[in-house]
Amino acid sequence: RAGGGSPRDTLSLLDQLIAGSDRDADDH
């Protein structure tokens, strides 16, 4: 929804969330 139909914007938002997320004990 936040990407508004733009693949570039959607993937950029997802990438930012992944980069700022924590990892579990198995490094996932």
PDB file of all heavy atoms in Angstrom:
ATOM      1  N   ARG A   1       0.836  -1.206   0.000  1.00  0.00           N
ATOM      2  CA  ARG A   1       0.000   0.000   0.000  1.00  0.00           C
ATOM      3  C   ARG A   1       0.870   1.255   0.000  1.00  0.00           C
ATOM      4  O   ARG A   1       0.605   2.211  -0.731  1.00  0.00           O
ATOM      5  CB  ARG A   1      -0.932  -0.001   1.208  1.00  0.00           C
ATOM      6  CG  ARG A   1      -1.980   1.091   1.143  1.00  0.00           C
ATOM      7  CD  ARG A   1      -2.995   1.037   2.270  1.00  0.00           C
ATOM      8  NE  ARG A   1      -3.410  -0.311   2.599  1.00  0.00           N
ATOM      9  CZ  ARG A   1      -3.343  -0.843   3.816  1.00  0.00           C
ATOM     10  NH1 ARG A   1      -2.889  -0.147   4.834  1.00  0.00           N
ATOM     11  NH2 ARG A   1      -3.742  -2.075   4.039  1.00  0.00           N
ATOM     12  N   ALA A   2       1.918   1.258   0.823  1.00  0.00           N
ATOM     13  CA  ALA A   2       2.796   2.426   0.899  1.00  0.00           C
ATOM     14  C   ALA A   2       3.568   2.633  -0.398  1.00  0.00           C
ATOM     15  O   ALA A   2       3.902   3.757  -0.749  1.00  0.00           O
ATOM     16  CB  ALA A   2       3.767   2.269   2.066  1.00  0.00           C
ATOM     17  N   GLY A   3       3.838   1.552  -1.124  1.00  0.00           N
ATOM     18  CA  GLY A   3       4.546   1.655  -2.408  1.00  0.00           C
ATOM     19  C   GLY A   3       3.701   2.244  -3.513  1.00  0.00           C
ATOM     20  O   GLY A   3       4.223   2.678  -4.539  1.00  0.00           O
ATOM     21  N   GLY A   4       2.393   2.261  -3.331  1.00  0.00           N
ATOM     22  CA  GLY A   4       1.498   2.914  -4.280  1.00  0.00           C
ATOM     23  C   GLY A   4       1.492   2.346  -5.687  1.00  0.00           C
ATOM     24  O   GLY A   4       1.187   3.052  -6.636  1.00  0.00           O
ATOM     25  N   GLY A   5       1.833   1.078  -5.844  1.00  0.00           N
ATOM     26  CA  GLY A   5       1.829   0.470  -7.172  1.00  0.00           C
ATOM     27  C   GLY A   5       3.144   0.572  -7.904  1.00  0.00           C
ATOM     28  O   GLY A   5       3.296   0.054  -9.002  1.00  0.00           O
ATOM     29  N   SER A   6       4.114   1.243  -7.310  1.00  0.00           N
ATOM     30  CA  SER A   6       5.428   1.382  -7.926  1.00  0.00           C
ATOM     31  C   SER A   6       6.342   0.256  -7.424  1.00  0.00           C
ATOM     32  O   SER A   6       6.610   0.168  -6.218  1.00  0.00           O
ATOM     33  CB  SER A   6       6.048   2.730  -7.538  1.00  0.00           C
ATOM     34  OG  SER A   6       7.423   2.748  -7.857  1.00  0.00           O
ATOM     35  N   PRO A   7       6.822  -0.604  -8.316  1.00  0.00           N
ATOM     36  CA  PRO A   7       7.732  -1.668  -7.884  1.00  0.00           C
ATOM     37  C   PRO A   7       8.989  -1.118  -7.205  1.00  0.00           C
ATOM     38  O   PRO A   7       9.430  -1.643  -6.188  1.00  0.00           O
ATOM     39  CB  PRO A   7       8.080  -2.409  -9.175  1.00  0.00           C
ATOM     40  CG  PRO A   7       6.937  -2.124 -10.087  1.00  0.00           C
ATOM     41  CD  PRO A   7       6.481  -0.741  -9.728  1.00  0.00           C
ATOM     42  N   ARG A   8       9.555  -0.066  -7.742  1.00  0.00           N
ATOM     43  CA  ARG A   8      10.770   0.509  -7.164  1.00  0.00           C
ATOM     44  C   ARG A   8      10.523   0.995  -5.741  1.00  0.00           C
ATOM     45  O   ARG A   8      11.295   0.701  -4.828  1.00  0.00           O
ATOM     46  CB  ARG A   8      11.266   1.664  -8.022  1.00  0.00           C
ATOM     47  CG  ARG A   8      12.553   2.290  -7.481  1.00  0.00           C
ATOM     48  CD  ARG A   8      12.840   3.608  -8.117  1.00  0.00           C
ATOM     49  NE  ARG A   8      11.776   4.538  -7.746  1.00  0.00           N
ATOM     50  CZ  ARG A   8      11.532   5.670  -8.374  1.00  0.00           C
ATOM     51  NH1 ARG A   8      12.260   6.022  -9.402  1.00  0.00           N
ATOM     52  NH2 ARG A   8      10.565   6.472  -7.987  1.00  0.00           N
ATOM     53  N   ASP A   9       9.435   1.723  -5.523  1.00  0.00           N
ATOM     54  CA  ASP A   9       9.133   2.248  -4.199  1.00  0.00           C
ATOM     55  C   ASP A   9       8.800   1.130  -3.213  1.00  0.00           C
ATOM     56  O   ASP A   9       9.213   1.166  -2.055  1.00  0.00           O
ATOM     57  CB  ASP A   9       7.979   3.248  -4.264  1.00  0.00           C
ATOM     58  CG  ASP A   9       8.350   4.515  -5.021  1.00  0.00           C
ATOM     59  OD1 ASP A   9       9.551   4.728  -5.278  1.00  0.00           O
ATOM     60  OD2 ASP A   9       7.428   5.283  -5.350  1.00  0.00           O
ATOM     61  N   THR A  10       8.058   0.129  -3.670  1.00  0.00           N
ATOM     62  CA  THR A  10       7.702  -0.992  -2.808  1.00  0.00           C
ATOM     63  C   THR A  10       8.936  -1.754  -2.369  1.00  0.00           C
ATOM     64  O   THR A  10       9.107  -2.056  -1.186  1.00  0.00           O
ATOM     65  CB  THR A  10       6.717  -1.930  -3.530  1.00  0.00           C
ATOM     66  OG1 THR A  10       5.554  -1.187  -3.908  1.00  0.00           O
ATOM     67  CG2 THR A  10       6.311  -3.096  -2.656  1.00  0.00           C
ATOM     68  N   LEU A  11       9.826  -2.050  -3.299  1.00  0.00           N
ATOM     69  CA  LEU A  11      11.046  -2.784  -2.957  1.00  0.00           C
ATOM     70  C   LEU A  11      11.972  -1.945  -2.086  1.00  0.00           C
ATOM     71  O   LEU A  11      12.648  -2.475  -1.209  1.00  0.00           O
ATOM     72  CB  LEU A  11      11.761  -3.252  -4.220  1.00  0.00           C
ATOM     73  CG  LEU A  11      11.026  -4.315  -5.023  1.00  0.00           C
ATOM     74  CD1 LEU A  11      11.792  -4.638  -6.300  1.00  0.00           C
ATOM     75  CD2 LEU A  11      10.793  -5.567  -4.195  1.00  0.00           C
ATOM     76  N   SER A  12      11.995  -0.655  -2.290  1.00  0.00           N
ATOM     77  CA  SER A  12      12.806   0.228  -1.462  1.00  0.00           C
ATOM     78  C   SER A  12      12.303   0.223  -0.021  1.00  0.00           C
ATOM     79  O   SER A  12      13.097   0.143   0.928  1.00  0.00           O
ATOM     80  CB  SER A  12      12.781   1.646  -2.029  1.00  0.00           C
ATOM     81  OG  SER A  12      13.488   2.524  -1.202  1.00  0.00           O
ATOM     82  N   LEU A  13      10.992   0.301   0.162  1.00  0.00           N
ATOM     83  CA  LEU A  13      10.406   0.251   1.507  1.00  0.00           C
ATOM     84  C   LEU A  13      10.684  -1.089   2.182  1.00  0.00           C
ATOM     85  O   LEU A  13      11.055  -1.143   3.360  1.00  0.00           O
ATOM     86  CB  LEU A  13       8.900   0.492   1.444  1.00  0.00           C
ATOM     87  CG  LEU A  13       8.476   1.911   1.091  1.00  0.00           C
ATOM     88  CD1 LEU A  13       7.006   1.939   0.706  1.00  0.00           C
ATOM     89  CD2 LEU A  13       8.749   2.833   2.256  1.00  0.00           C
ATOM     90  N   LEU A  14      10.531  -2.165   1.439  1.00  0.00           N
ATOM     91  CA  LEU A  14      10.795  -3.487   1.992  1.00  0.00           C
ATOM     92  C   LEU A  14      12.265  -3.615   2.378  1.00  0.00           C
ATOM     93  O   LEU A  14      12.591  -4.134   3.450  1.00  0.00           O
ATOM     94  CB  LEU A  14      10.400  -4.571   0.987  1.00  0.00           C
ATOM     95  CG  LEU A  14      10.593  -6.008   1.435  1.00  0.00           C
ATOM     96  CD1 LEU A  14       9.774  -6.304   2.680  1.00  0.00           C
ATOM     97  CD2 LEU A  14      10.232  -6.961   0.303  1.00  0.00           C
ATOM     98  N   ASP A  15      13.145  -3.111   1.543  1.00  0.00           N
ATOM     99  CA  ASP A  15      14.577  -3.150   1.825  1.00  0.00           C
ATOM    100  C   ASP A  15      14.904  -2.374   3.099  1.00  0.00           C
ATOM    101  O   ASP A  15      15.713  -2.820   3.925  1.00  0.00           O
ATOM    102  CB  ASP A  15      15.351  -2.589   0.636  1.00  0.00           C
ATOM    103  CG  ASP A  15      16.846  -2.750   0.787  1.00  0.00           C
ATOM    104  OD1 ASP A  15      17.288  -3.832   1.231  1.00  0.00           O
ATOM    105  OD2 ASP A  15      17.576  -1.800   0.459  1.00  0.00           O
ATOM    106  N   GLN A  16      14.294  -1.230   3.281  1.00  0.00           N
ATOM    107  CA  GLN A  16      14.522  -0.440   4.492  1.00  0.00           C
ATOM    108  C   GLN A  16      14.043  -1.180   5.739  1.00  0.00           C
ATOM    109  O   GLN A  16      14.714  -1.155   6.780  1.00  0.00           O
ATOM    110  CB  GLN A  16      13.815   0.906   4.385  1.00  0.00           C
ATOM    111  CG  GLN A  16      14.433   1.838   3.366  1.00  0.00           C
ATOM    112  CD  GLN A  16      13.615   3.101   3.194  1.00  0.00           C
ATOM    113  OE1 GLN A  16      13.081   3.636   4.149  1.00  0.00           O
ATOM    114  NE2 GLN A  16      13.494   3.554   1.944  1.00  0.00           N
ATOM    115  N   LEU A  17      12.900  -1.846   5.639  1.00  0.00           N
ATOM    116  CA  LEU A  17      12.400  -2.609   6.774  1.00  0.00           C
ATOM    117  C   LEU A  17      13.326  -3.783   7.100  1.00  0.00           C
ATOM    118  O   LEU A  17      13.603  -4.059   8.267  1.00  0.00           O
ATOM    119  CB  LEU A  17      10.993  -3.137   6.495  1.00  0.00           C
ATOM    120  CG  LEU A  17       9.866  -2.143   6.653  1.00  0.00           C
ATOM    121  CD1 LEU A  17       8.546  -2.768   6.193  1.00  0.00           C
ATOM    122  CD2 LEU A  17       9.756  -1.685   8.084  1.00  0.00           C
ATOM    123  N   ILE A  18      13.796  -4.460   6.079  1.00  0.00           N
ATOM    124  CA  ILE A  18      14.704  -5.589   6.292  1.00  0.00           C
ATOM    125  C   ILE A  18      16.005  -5.110   6.920  1.00  0.00           C
ATOM    126  O   ILE A  18      16.512  -5.719   7.866  1.00  0.00           O
ATOM    127  CB  ILE A  18      14.964  -6.335   4.967  1.00  0.00           C
ATOM    128  CG1 ILE A  18      13.688  -7.046   4.507  1.00  0.00           C
ATOM    129  CG2 ILE A  18      16.109  -7.330   5.114  1.00  0.00           C
ATOM    130  CD1 ILE A  18      13.758  -7.603   3.103  1.00  0.00           C
ATOM    131  N   ALA A  19      16.537  -4.008   6.422  1.00  0.00           N
ATOM    132  CA  ALA A  19      17.801  -3.484   6.946  1.00  0.00           C
ATOM    133  C   ALA A  19      17.687  -3.072   8.405  1.00  0.00           C
ATOM    134  O   ALA A  19      18.649  -3.206   9.164  1.00  0.00           O
ATOM    135  CB  ALA A  19      18.265  -2.298   6.099  1.00  0.00           C
ATOM    136  N   GLY A  20      16.528  -2.614   8.821  1.00  0.00           N
ATOM    137  CA  GLY A  20      16.343  -2.158  10.191  1.00  0.00           C
ATOM    138  C   GLY A  20      15.775  -3.211  11.124  1.00  0.00           C
ATOM    139  O   GLY A  20      15.497  -2.920  12.280  1.00  0.00           O
ATOM    140  N   SER A  21      15.616  -4.429  10.637  1.00  0.00           N
ATOM    141  CA  SER A  21      15.010  -5.484  11.447  1.00  0.00           C
ATOM    142  C   SER A  21      16.057  -6.281  12.211  1.00  0.00           C
ATOM    143  O   SER A  21      17.230  -6.300  11.855  1.00  0.00           O
ATOM    144  CB  SER A  21      14.195  -6.425  10.563  1.00  0.00           C
ATOM    145  OG  SER A  21      13.087  -5.745  10.036  1.00  0.00           O
ATOM    146  N   ASP A  22      15.575  -6.940  13.239  1.00  0.00           N
ATOM    147  CA  ASP A  22      16.441  -7.768  14.066  1.00  0.00           C
ATOM    148  C   ASP A  22      16.603  -9.152  13.446  1.00  0.00           C
ATOM    149  O   ASP A  22      15.805  -9.577  12.628  1.00  0.00           O
ATOM    150  CB  ASP A  22      15.842  -7.905  15.468  1.00  0.00           C
ATOM    151  CG  ASP A  22      15.711  -6.558  16.157  1.00  0.00           C
ATOM    152  OD1 ASP A  22      16.616  -5.720  15.987  1.00  0.00           O
ATOM    153  OD2 ASP A  22      14.694  -6.345  16.855  1.00  0.00           O
ATOM    154  N   ARG A  23      17.659  -9.825  13.904  1.00  0.00           N
ATOM    155  CA  ARG A  23      17.900 -11.199  13.471  1.00  0.00           C
ATOM    156  C   ARG A  23      17.673 -12.132  14.648  1.00  0.00           C
ATOM    157  O   ARG A  23      17.897 -11.762  15.784  1.00  0.00           O
ATOM    158  CB  ARG A  23      19.323 -11.343  12.942  1.00  0.00           C
ATOM    159  CG  ARG A  23      19.555 -10.530  11.685  1.00  0.00           C
ATOM    160  CD  ARG A  23      20.978 -10.690  11.181  1.00  0.00           C
ATOM    161  NE  ARG A  23      21.144  -9.975   9.931  1.00  0.00           N
ATOM    162  CZ  ARG A  23      20.915 -10.508   8.732  1.00  0.00           C
ATOM    163  NH1 ARG A  23      20.531 -11.756   8.618  1.00  0.00           N
ATOM    164  NH2 ARG A  23      21.100  -9.806   7.645  1.00  0.00           N
ATOM    165  N   ASP A  24      17.255 -13.359  14.342  1.00  0.00           N
ATOM    166  CA  ASP A  24      17.058 -14.332  15.410  1.00  0.00           C
ATOM    167  C   ASP A  24      18.365 -15.064  15.709  1.00  0.00           C
ATOM    168  O   ASP A  24      19.418 -14.738  15.161  1.00  0.00           O
ATOM    169  CB  ASP A  24      15.918 -15.299  15.064  1.00  0.00           C
ATOM    170  CG  ASP A  24      16.197 -16.152  13.839  1.00  0.00           C
ATOM    171  OD1 ASP A  24      17.345 -16.174  13.361  1.00  0.00           O
ATOM    172  OD2 ASP A  24      15.252 -16.803  13.362  1.00  0.00           O
ATOM    173  N   ALA A  25      18.302 -16.070  16.549  1.00  0.00           N
ATOM    174  CA  ALA A  25      19.498 -16.806  16.961  1.00  0.00           C
ATOM    175  C   ALA A  25      20.184 -17.506  15.794  1.00  0.00           C
ATOM    176  O   ALA A  25      21.399 -17.714  15.812  1.00  0.00           O
ATOM    177  CB  ALA A  25      19.129 -17.823  18.034  1.00  0.00           C
ATOM    178  N   ASP A  26      19.419 -17.858  14.771  1.00  0.00           N
ATOM    179  CA  ASP A  26      19.985 -18.527  13.589  1.00  0.00           C
ATOM    180  C   ASP A  26      20.385 -17.548  12.496  1.00  0.00           C
ATOM    181  O   ASP A  26      20.622 -17.947  11.363  1.00  0.00           O
ATOM    182  CB  ASP A  26      18.983 -19.539  13.031  1.00  0.00           C
ATOM    183  CG  ASP A  26      18.666 -20.644  14.014  1.00  0.00           C
ATOM    184  OD1 ASP A  26      19.592 -21.058  14.745  1.00  0.00           O
ATOM    185  OD2 ASP A  26      17.495 -21.090  14.054  1.00  0.00           O
ATOM    186  N   ASP A  27      20.409 -16.257  12.822  1.00  0.00           N
ATOM    187  CA  ASP A  27      20.796 -15.185  11.907  1.00  0.00           C
ATOM    188  C   ASP A  27      19.810 -14.994  10.754  1.00  0.00           C
ATOM    189  O   ASP A  27      20.182 -14.588   9.661  1.00  0.00           O
ATOM    190  CB  ASP A  27      22.213 -15.406  11.377  1.00  0.00           C
ATOM    191  CG  ASP A  27      22.852 -14.103  10.915  1.00  0.00           C
ATOM    192  OD1 ASP A  27      22.594 -13.057  11.545  1.00  0.00           O
ATOM    193  OD2 ASP A  27      23.605 -14.127   9.914  1.00  0.00           O
ATOM    194  N   HIS A  28      18.520 -15.297  11.001  1.00  0.00           N
ATOM    195  CA  HIS A  28      17.481 -15.041  10.013  1.00  0.00           C
ATOM    196  C   HIS A  28      16.808 -13.710  10.344  1.00  0.00           C
ATOM    197  O   HIS A  28      16.593 -13.391  11.508  1.00  0.00           O
ATOM    198  CB  HIS A  28      16.433 -16.155  10.023  1.00  0.00           C
ATOM    199  CG  HIS A  28      16.974 -17.464   9.565  1.00  0.00           C
ATOM    200  ND1 HIS A  28      17.229 -18.492  10.433  1.00  0.00           N
ATOM    201  CD2 HIS A  28      17.331 -17.897   8.338  1.00  0.00           C
ATOM    202  CE1 HIS A  28      17.704 -19.512   9.758  1.00  0.00           C
ATOM    203  NE2 HIS A  28      17.782 -19.179   8.477  1.00  0.00           N
TER     204      HIS A  28
END
